[in-house]
Amino acid sequence: MKIFGDKRFDGYAKIIETADAIKVAFAVDMGGKYMSSGDNPIEYKTIRERVRNFGAKTGGLSLDADLDADKKALKALEKEEKQIEKSIESSNKNIENYQKKIKQEQKNIETKNAELSARQEEIKIQTSQISERKKTAKKIK
């Protein structure tokens, strides 16, 4: 860094992660002595500004990543919502078709019951006729 001129320095950073935040601690070794705002006001101000810019940039990148993740999650939820809506619509159509089929089958049952009653009456008549013919046949023999 130009502000340090020919002076050598070592920079250190430590990432501290907590449940709700990620913090970064910085230290600058000026060759046996750590930088402080009192002893190195110009260098301190420069490093402090760079650290703030770093924080703003990384915070922004983190927010962008979170926003992208949120957008993907929203798309997935919207896709699921459309699938659920289609499923509901399909079920409603099935219900309508089943109700039509039920009404048709109820009419078929009524028709078949009428036919059954008619057949049962014919069977009674036929059974009675057979009985009469048997009686007549016994009389003749």
C-alpha atoms as a PDB file:
ATOM      1  CA  MET A   1       0.000   0.000   0.000  1.00  0.00           C
ATOM      2  CA  LYS A   2       1.378   3.404  -0.933  1.00  0.00           C
ATOM      3  CA  ILE A   3       0.446   4.937   2.407  1.00  0.00           C
ATOM      4  CA  PHE A   4       3.022   2.694   4.107  1.00  0.00           C
ATOM      5  CA  GLY A   5       5.786   3.611   1.681  1.00  0.00           C
ATOM      6  CA  ASP A   6       8.764   1.258   2.073  1.00  0.00           C
ATOM      7  CA  LYS A   7       7.664   0.107   5.516  1.00  0.00           C
ATOM      8  CA  ARG A   8       6.899  -3.574   5.755  1.00  0.00           C
ATOM      9  CA  PHE A   9       3.798  -4.753   7.552  1.00  0.00           C
ATOM     10  CA  ASP A  10       1.798  -7.911   8.076  1.00  0.00           C
ATOM     11  CA  GLY A  11      -1.987  -7.935   8.011  1.00  0.00           C
ATOM     12  CA  TYR A  12      -4.061 -10.453   9.937  1.00  0.00           C
ATOM     13  CA  ALA A  13      -7.757 -11.202   9.799  1.00  0.00           C
ATOM     14  CA  LYS A  14      -9.874 -13.488  11.943  1.00  0.00           C
ATOM     15  CA  ILE A  15     -13.408 -14.531  11.092  1.00  0.00           C
ATOM     16  CA  ILE A  16     -15.712 -14.791  14.103  1.00  0.00           C
ATOM     17  CA  GLU A  17     -19.003 -16.528  13.427  1.00  0.00           C
ATOM     18  CA  THR A  18     -21.908 -16.295  15.861  1.00  0.00           C
ATOM     19  CA  ALA A  19     -25.487 -17.499  15.604  1.00  0.00           C
ATOM     20  CA  ASP A  20     -26.719 -14.259  14.058  1.00  0.00           C
ATOM     21  CA  ALA A  21     -23.642 -12.606  12.541  1.00  0.00           C
ATOM     22  CA  ILE A  22     -20.239 -13.058  10.999  1.00  0.00           C
ATOM     23  CA  LYS A  23     -17.571 -10.637  12.185  1.00  0.00           C
ATOM     24  CA  VAL A  24     -14.078 -10.046  10.853  1.00  0.00           C
ATOM     25  CA  ALA A  25     -11.324  -8.737  13.135  1.00  0.00           C
ATOM     26  CA  PHE A  26      -8.268  -7.114  11.532  1.00  0.00           C
ATOM     27  CA  ALA A  27      -4.815  -6.389  12.948  1.00  0.00           C
ATOM     28  CA  VAL A  28      -1.762  -4.863  11.288  1.00  0.00           C
ATOM     29  CA  ASP A  29       1.734  -5.653  12.582  1.00  0.00           C
ATOM     30  CA  MET A  30       3.988  -2.699  11.787  1.00  0.00           C
ATOM     31  CA  GLY A  31       7.188  -4.610  12.475  1.00  0.00           C
ATOM     32  CA  GLY A  32       7.010  -5.469  16.136  1.00  0.00           C
ATOM     33  CA  LYS A  33       4.210  -3.129  17.077  1.00  0.00           C
ATOM     34  CA  TYR A  34       0.550  -3.326  16.128  1.00  0.00           C
ATOM     35  CA  MET A  35      -1.076  -0.398  14.388  1.00  0.00           C
ATOM     36  CA  SER A  36      -3.215   1.861  16.557  1.00  0.00           C
ATOM     37  CA  SER A  37      -5.207   4.999  15.888  1.00  0.00           C
ATOM     38  CA  GLY A  38      -3.000   6.961  18.287  1.00  0.00           C
ATOM     39  CA  ASP A  39       0.426   5.895  16.948  1.00  0.00           C
ATOM     40  CA  ASN A  40      -0.439   5.574  13.261  1.00  0.00           C
ATOM     41  CA  PRO A  41      -3.401   7.889  12.583  1.00  0.00           C
ATOM     42  CA  ILE A  42      -2.951   8.187   8.801  1.00  0.00           C
ATOM     43  CA  GLU A  43      -2.330   4.487   8.197  1.00  0.00           C
ATOM     44  CA  TYR A  44      -5.083   3.573  10.658  1.00  0.00           C
ATOM     45  CA  LYS A  45      -7.564   5.789   8.812  1.00  0.00           C
ATOM     46  CA  THR A  46      -6.608   4.210   5.470  1.00  0.00           C
ATOM     47  CA  ILE A  47      -6.887   0.640   6.800  1.00  0.00           C
ATOM     48  CA  ARG A  48     -10.132   1.482   8.574  1.00  0.00           C
ATOM     49  CA  GLU A  49     -11.604   2.837   5.327  1.00  0.00           C
ATOM     50  CA  ARG A  50     -10.498  -0.266   3.417  1.00  0.00           C
ATOM     51  CA  VAL A  51     -12.026  -2.508   6.074  1.00  0.00           C
ATOM     52  CA  ARG A  52     -15.309  -0.603   5.877  1.00  0.00           C
ATOM     53  CA  ASN A  53     -15.312  -0.884   2.081  1.00  0.00           C
ATOM     54  CA  PHE A  54     -14.563  -4.595   2.416  1.00  0.00           C
ATOM     55  CA  GLY A  55     -17.436  -4.977   4.876  1.00  0.00           C
ATOM     56  CA  ALA A  56     -19.851  -3.085   2.672  1.00  0.00           C
ATOM     57  CA  LYS A  57     -18.833  -5.047  -0.403  1.00  0.00           C
ATOM     58  CA  THR A  58     -18.961  -8.470   1.266  1.00  0.00           C
ATOM     59  CA  GLY A  59     -22.205  -7.575   3.048  1.00  0.00           C
ATOM     60  CA  GLY A  60     -23.684  -6.580  -0.283  1.00  0.00           C
ATOM     61  CA  LEU A  61     -22.470  -9.796  -1.887  1.00  0.00           C
ATOM     62  CA  SER A  62     -23.935 -11.774   0.977  1.00  0.00           C
ATOM     63  CA  LEU A  63     -27.266 -10.009   0.599  1.00  0.00           C
ATOM     64  CA  ASP A  64     -27.191 -10.627  -3.147  1.00  0.00           C
ATOM     65  CA  ALA A  65     -26.570 -14.331  -2.521  1.00  0.00           C
ATOM     66  CA  ASP A  66     -29.391 -14.425   0.029  1.00  0.00           C
ATOM     67  CA  LEU A  67     -31.678 -12.601  -2.401  1.00  0.00           C
ATOM     68  CA  ASP A  68     -30.856 -15.085  -5.160  1.00  0.00           C
ATOM     69  CA  ALA A  69     -31.557 -17.980  -2.795  1.00  0.00           C
ATOM     70  CA  ASP A  70     -34.850 -16.354  -1.771  1.00  0.00           C
ATOM     71  CA  LYS A  71     -35.830 -15.879  -5.422  1.00  0.00           C
ATOM     72  CA  LYS A  72     -35.085 -19.533  -6.184  1.00  0.00           C
ATOM     73  CA  ALA A  73     -37.109 -20.609  -3.159  1.00  0.00           C
ATOM     74  CA  LEU A  74     -39.984 -18.384  -4.289  1.00  0.00           C
ATOM     75  CA  LYS A  75     -39.904 -19.898  -7.796  1.00  0.00           C
ATOM     76  CA  ALA A  76     -39.980 -23.382  -6.300  1.00  0.00           C
ATOM     77  CA  LEU A  77     -42.941 -22.447  -4.088  1.00  0.00           C
ATOM     78  CA  GLU A  78     -44.794 -20.876  -7.021  1.00  0.00           C
ATOM     79  CA  LYS A  79     -44.159 -24.017  -9.085  1.00  0.00           C
ATOM     80  CA  GLU A  80     -45.538 -26.163  -6.261  1.00  0.00           C
ATOM     81  CA  GLU A  81     -48.520 -23.812  -5.986  1.00  0.00           C
ATOM     82  CA  LYS A  82     -49.308 -24.265  -9.699  1.00  0.00           C
ATOM     83  CA  GLN A  83     -49.023 -28.042  -9.365  1.00  0.00           C
ATOM     84  CA  ILE A  84     -51.402 -28.008  -6.405  1.00  0.00           C
ATOM     85  CA  GLU A  85     -53.842 -25.785  -8.293  1.00  0.00           C
ATOM     86  CA  LYS A  86     -53.727 -28.172 -11.283  1.00  0.00           C
ATOM     87  CA  SER A  87     -54.307 -31.112  -8.963  1.00  0.00           C
ATOM     88  CA  ILE A  88     -57.315 -29.392  -7.394  1.00  0.00           C
ATOM     89  CA  GLU A  89     -58.699 -28.539 -10.839  1.00  0.00           C
ATOM     90  CA  SER A  90     -58.224 -32.140 -11.969  1.00  0.00           C
ATOM     91  CA  SER A  91     -59.936 -33.440  -8.844  1.00  0.00           C
ATOM     92  CA  ASN A  92     -62.862 -31.068  -9.381  1.00  0.00           C
ATOM     93  CA  LYS A  93     -63.217 -32.273 -12.985  1.00  0.00           C
ATOM     94  CA  ASN A  94     -63.089 -35.866 -11.791  1.00  0.00           C
ATOM     95  CA  ILE A  95     -65.812 -35.126  -9.235  1.00  0.00           C
ATOM     96  CA  GLU A  96     -68.009 -33.573 -11.942  1.00  0.00           C
ATOM     97  CA  ASN A  97     -67.466 -36.591 -14.194  1.00  0.00           C
ATOM     98  CA  TYR A  98     -68.176 -38.988 -11.319  1.00  0.00           C
ATOM     99  CA  GLN A  99     -71.362 -37.081 -10.444  1.00  0.00           C
ATOM    100  CA  LYS A 100     -72.518 -37.308 -14.070  1.00  0.00           C
ATOM    101  CA  LYS A 101     -71.679 -41.002 -14.083  1.00  0.00           C
ATOM    102  CA  ILE A 102     -73.565 -41.498 -10.800  1.00  0.00           C
ATOM    103  CA  LYS A 103     -76.668 -39.772 -12.219  1.00  0.00           C
ATOM    104  CA  GLN A 104     -76.441 -41.885 -15.359  1.00  0.00           C
ATOM    105  CA  GLU A 105     -76.058 -45.075 -13.326  1.00  0.00           C
ATOM    106  CA  GLN A 106     -79.003 -44.068 -11.109  1.00  0.00           C
ATOM    107  CA  LYS A 107     -81.146 -43.722 -14.254  1.00  0.00           C
ATOM    108  CA  ASN A 108     -79.856 -47.088 -15.430  1.00  0.00           C
ATOM    109  CA  ILE A 109     -80.839 -48.601 -12.063  1.00  0.00           C
ATOM    110  CA  GLU A 110     -84.348 -47.114 -12.334  1.00  0.00           C
ATOM    111  CA  THR A 111     -84.704 -48.484 -15.848  1.00  0.00           C
ATOM    112  CA  LYS A 112     -83.367 -51.888 -14.821  1.00  0.00           C
ATOM    113  CA  ASN A 113     -85.641 -51.946 -11.750  1.00  0.00           C
ATOM    114  CA  ALA A 114     -88.626 -51.292 -14.015  1.00  0.00           C
ATOM    115  CA  GLU A 115     -87.440 -54.062 -16.352  1.00  0.00           C
ATOM    116  CA  LEU A 116     -86.891 -56.346 -13.357  1.00  0.00           C
ATOM    117  CA  SER A 117     -90.407 -55.714 -12.073  1.00  0.00           C
ATOM    118  CA  ALA A 118     -91.793 -56.439 -15.513  1.00  0.00           C
ATOM    119  CA  ARG A 119     -89.769 -59.667 -15.777  1.00  0.00           C
ATOM    120  CA  GLN A 120     -90.809 -60.730 -12.289  1.00  0.00           C
ATOM    121  CA  GLU A 121     -94.450 -60.203 -13.278  1.00  0.00           C
ATOM    122  CA  GLU A 122     -93.909 -62.182 -16.482  1.00  0.00           C
ATOM    123  CA  ILE A 123     -92.231 -64.930 -14.422  1.00  0.00           C
ATOM    124  CA  LYS A 124     -95.252 -65.046 -12.092  1.00  0.00           C
ATOM    125  CA  ILE A 125     -97.571 -65.283 -15.076  1.00  0.00           C
ATOM    126  CA  GLN A 126     -95.391 -67.919 -16.725  1.00  0.00           C
ATOM    127  CA  THR A 127     -95.082 -69.886 -13.453  1.00  0.00           C
ATOM    128  CA  SER A 128     -98.834 -69.709 -12.999  1.00  0.00           C
ATOM    129  CA  GLN A 129     -99.378 -70.827 -16.579  1.00  0.00           C
ATOM    130  CA  ILE A 130     -97.016 -73.776 -16.068  1.00  0.00           C
ATOM    131  CA  SER A 131     -98.845 -74.746 -12.895  1.00  0.00           C
ATOM    132  CA  GLU A 132    -102.177 -74.599 -14.727  1.00  0.00           C
ATOM    133  CA  ARG A 133    -100.810 -76.711 -17.605  1.00  0.00           C
ATOM    134  CA  LYS A 134     -99.470 -79.285 -15.122  1.00  0.00           C
ATOM    135  CA  LYS A 135    -102.866 -79.454 -13.458  1.00  0.00           C
ATOM    136  CA  THR A 136    -104.534 -79.886 -16.811  1.00  0.00           C
ATOM    137  CA  ALA A 137    -101.999 -82.516 -17.826  1.00  0.00           C
ATOM    138  CA  LYS A 138    -102.662 -84.466 -14.564  1.00  0.00           C
ATOM    139  CA  LYS A 139    -106.381 -84.372 -15.234  1.00  0.00           C
ATOM    140  CA  ILE A 140    -105.908 -85.776 -18.715  1.00  0.00           C
ATOM    141  CA  LYS A 141    -103.675 -88.643 -17.623  1.00  0.00           C
END
